[in-house]
């Protein structure tokens, strides 16, 4: 125990001397100039950290631009496909409406012939079945046109509201 008490003042003296020495070093004008110079130069000599951060930001920007371009191209593709489908459905609707008119005309003639006794009821019923089928096709194509108009509206950025 006696040696501990003898060493304690020595350690405290050494510690105080070191602190005093460090204080003198930090107050020295040369050291202040050196510290200021290193504080100014340190951001410039960062081992390429800032350059790599710029490269990373540039890569992220390029990725965002590519994602945006992909989204725009998909939107144009949806709109173009929807417009093409609208034209196809319109042409098909015209053909189906004409077929339905012709079938109705044939039914009218078949009914007249049946009333005159020139044809059987089975022929009239067969033509009537064709008329109903054609009218069903017209309704189906109208539904498809409405579905396509909704798809086009959504592709152009519309909503359900």
Protein backbone atom coordinates (compact mmCIF):
# COMPACT_ATOMS: atom_id res chain seq x y z
CA UNK A 1 0.00 0.00 0.00
CA UNK A 2 2.85 2.31 0.77
CA UNK A 3 4.16 2.09 -2.79
CA UNK A 4 0.71 3.06 -4.16
CA UNK A 5 0.65 6.22 -2.16
CA UNK A 6 4.16 7.05 -3.32
CA UNK A 7 3.29 6.54 -7.02
CA UNK A 8 0.06 8.50 -7.00
CA UNK A 9 1.74 11.93 -6.72
CA UNK A 10 4.15 10.97 -9.51
CA UNK A 11 1.33 9.93 -11.81
CA UNK A 12 -0.62 13.08 -11.08
CA UNK A 13 2.46 15.22 -11.73
CA UNK A 14 3.10 13.46 -15.04
CA UNK A 15 -0.53 13.88 -16.04
CA UNK A 16 -0.51 17.58 -15.21
CA UNK A 17 2.75 18.08 -17.09
CA UNK A 18 1.31 16.34 -20.17
CA UNK A 19 -1.83 18.49 -20.09
CA UNK A 20 0.29 21.63 -19.77
CA UNK A 21 2.43 20.53 -22.70
CA UNK A 22 -0.66 19.85 -24.86
CA UNK A 23 -2.12 23.22 -23.98
CA UNK A 24 1.11 24.92 -25.06
CA UNK A 25 1.08 22.99 -28.32
CA UNK A 26 -2.49 23.98 -29.12
CA UNK A 27 -1.83 27.66 -28.30
CA UNK A 28 1.31 27.79 -30.45
CA UNK A 29 0.57 29.95 -33.58
CA UNK A 30 2.24 27.40 -35.82
CA UNK A 31 -0.07 24.70 -34.53
CA UNK A 32 -3.12 26.94 -34.97
CA UNK A 33 -2.13 27.63 -38.59
CA UNK A 34 -1.52 23.93 -39.18
CA UNK A 35 -4.89 23.00 -37.66
CA UNK A 36 -6.66 25.62 -39.80
CA UNK A 37 -4.90 24.41 -42.96
CA UNK A 38 -5.80 20.79 -42.28
CA UNK A 39 -9.40 21.79 -41.55
CA UNK A 40 -9.60 23.52 -44.93
CA UNK A 41 -7.80 20.84 -46.92
CA UNK A 42 -9.46 17.81 -45.26
CA UNK A 43 -12.67 18.09 -47.31
CA UNK A 44 -10.57 18.24 -50.50
CA UNK A 45 -8.55 15.15 -49.64
CA UNK A 46 -11.29 12.72 -48.69
CA UNK A 47 -10.09 9.63 -50.51
CA UNK A 48 -12.59 10.01 -53.37
CA UNK A 49 -15.64 10.01 -51.07
CA UNK A 50 -17.26 13.07 -52.65
CA UNK A 51 -16.54 11.83 -56.17
CA UNK A 52 -18.13 8.47 -55.38
CA UNK A 53 -21.14 10.24 -53.87
CA UNK A 54 -21.54 12.28 -57.06
CA UNK A 55 -21.24 9.12 -59.16
CA UNK A 56 -23.84 7.39 -56.98
CA UNK A 57 -26.24 10.34 -57.30
CA UNK A 58 -25.70 10.38 -61.08
CA UNK A 59 -26.42 6.64 -61.27
CA UNK A 60 -29.59 7.08 -59.20
CA UNK A 61 -30.66 9.92 -61.47
CA UNK A 62 -30.06 7.79 -64.56
CA UNK A 63 -32.04 4.96 -62.99
CA UNK A 64 -34.95 7.31 -62.22
CA UNK A 65 -34.90 8.66 -65.78
CA UNK A 66 -34.91 5.13 -67.20
CA UNK A 67 -37.84 4.19 -64.96
CA UNK A 68 -39.74 7.28 -66.06
CA UNK A 69 -39.03 6.56 -69.73
CA UNK A 70 -40.23 2.98 -69.25
CA UNK A 71 -43.44 4.21 -67.63
CA UNK A 72 -44.05 6.69 -70.45
CA UNK A 73 -43.43 4.05 -73.11
CA UNK A 74 -45.84 1.66 -71.39
CA UNK A 75 -48.47 4.40 -71.23
CA UNK A 76 -48.06 5.17 -74.93
CA UNK A 77 -48.28 1.47 -75.72
CA UNK A 78 -51.50 1.13 -73.71
CA UNK A 79 -53.06 4.15 -75.42
CA UNK A 80 -51.98 3.01 -78.88
CA UNK A 81 -53.27 -0.51 -78.29
CA UNK A 82 -56.55 0.83 -76.98
CA UNK A 83 -56.97 3.15 -79.97
CA UNK A 84 -56.22 0.29 -82.38
CA UNK A 85 -58.71 -1.94 -80.60
CA UNK A 86 -61.32 0.84 -80.78
CA UNK A 87 -60.95 1.02 -84.56
CA UNK A 88 -61.17 -2.77 -84.90
CA UNK A 89 -64.27 -2.91 -82.70
CA UNK A 90 -65.91 -0.05 -84.60
CA UNK A 91 -65.39 -1.82 -87.94
CA UNK A 92 -66.68 -5.08 -86.48
CA UNK A 93 -69.73 -3.31 -85.04
CA UNK A 94 -70.57 -1.87 -88.45
CA UNK A 95 -70.37 -5.33 -90.02
CA UNK A 96 -72.47 -6.93 -87.27
CA UNK A 97 -75.13 -4.21 -87.45
CA UNK A 98 -75.34 -4.70 -91.21
CA UNK A 99 -75.64 -8.48 -90.73
CA UNK A 100 -78.40 -7.92 -88.14
CA UNK A 101 -80.32 -5.64 -90.56
CA UNK A 102 -79.99 -8.22 -93.32
CA UNK A 103 -81.16 -10.99 -90.99
CA UNK A 104 -84.17 -8.89 -89.91
CA UNK A 105 -84.99 -8.27 -93.57
CA UNK A 106 -84.70 -12.01 -94.28
CA UNK A 107 -87.01 -12.71 -91.30
CA UNK A 108 -89.56 -10.23 -92.62
CA UNK A 109 -89.50 -11.94 -96.02
CA UNK A 110 -89.68 -15.41 -94.40
CA UNK A 111 -92.72 -14.34 -92.36
CA UNK A 112 -94.44 -13.06 -95.51
CA UNK A 113 -93.66 -16.30 -97.33
CA UNK A 114 -94.92 -18.32 -94.36
CA UNK A 115 -98.18 -16.33 -94.31
CA UNK A 116 -98.60 -17.03 -98.05
CA UNK A 117 -97.89 -20.69 -97.41
CA UNK A 118 -94.72 -20.78 -99.51
CA UNK A 119 -92.36 -21.87 -96.67
CA UNK A 120 -92.38 -23.98 -93.52
CA UNK A 121 -92.43 -22.73 -89.95
CA UNK A 122 -89.07 -24.44 -89.44
CA UNK A 123 -87.45 -22.11 -92.02
CA UNK A 124 -88.95 -19.07 -90.27
CA UNK A 125 -87.70 -20.28 -86.90
CA UNK A 126 -84.21 -20.93 -88.29
CA UNK A 127 -84.03 -17.38 -89.66
CA UNK A 128 -85.43 -16.03 -86.39
CA UNK A 129 -82.67 -17.87 -84.52
CA UNK A 130 -80.10 -16.22 -86.82
CA UNK A 131 -81.65 -12.79 -86.10
CA UNK A 132 -81.40 -13.35 -82.35
CA UNK A 133 -77.80 -14.51 -82.68
CA UNK A 134 -76.88 -11.43 -84.72
CA UNK A 135 -78.58 -9.12 -82.22
CA UNK A 136 -76.65 -10.83 -79.41
CA UNK A 137 -73.43 -10.27 -81.34
CA UNK A 138 -74.29 -6.56 -81.73
CA UNK A 139 -74.90 -6.25 -77.98
CA UNK A 140 -71.61 -8.07 -77.26
CA UNK A 141 -69.64 -5.77 -79.55
CA UNK A 142 -71.25 -2.71 -77.95
CA UNK A 143 -70.18 -4.04 -74.55
CA UNK A 144 -66.65 -4.60 -75.86
CA UNK A 145 -66.61 -1.03 -77.20
CA UNK A 146 -67.66 0.33 -73.80
CA UNK A 147 -64.97 -1.76 -72.10
CA UNK A 148 -62.41 -0.42 -74.56
CA UNK A 149 -63.50 3.18 -73.96
CA UNK A 150 -63.01 2.63 -70.23
CA UNK A 151 -59.56 1.13 -70.85
CA UNK A 152 -58.65 4.09 -73.08
CA UNK A 153 -59.87 6.56 -70.45
CA UNK A 154 -57.78 4.83 -67.78
CA UNK A 155 -54.73 4.67 -70.09
CA UNK A 156 -55.03 8.40 -70.67
CA UNK A 157 -54.96 9.00 -66.92
CA UNK A 158 -58.68 9.09 -66.20
CA UNK A 159 -60.22 7.57 -63.12
CA UNK A 160 -63.42 5.91 -61.98
CA UNK A 161 -64.63 9.07 -60.30
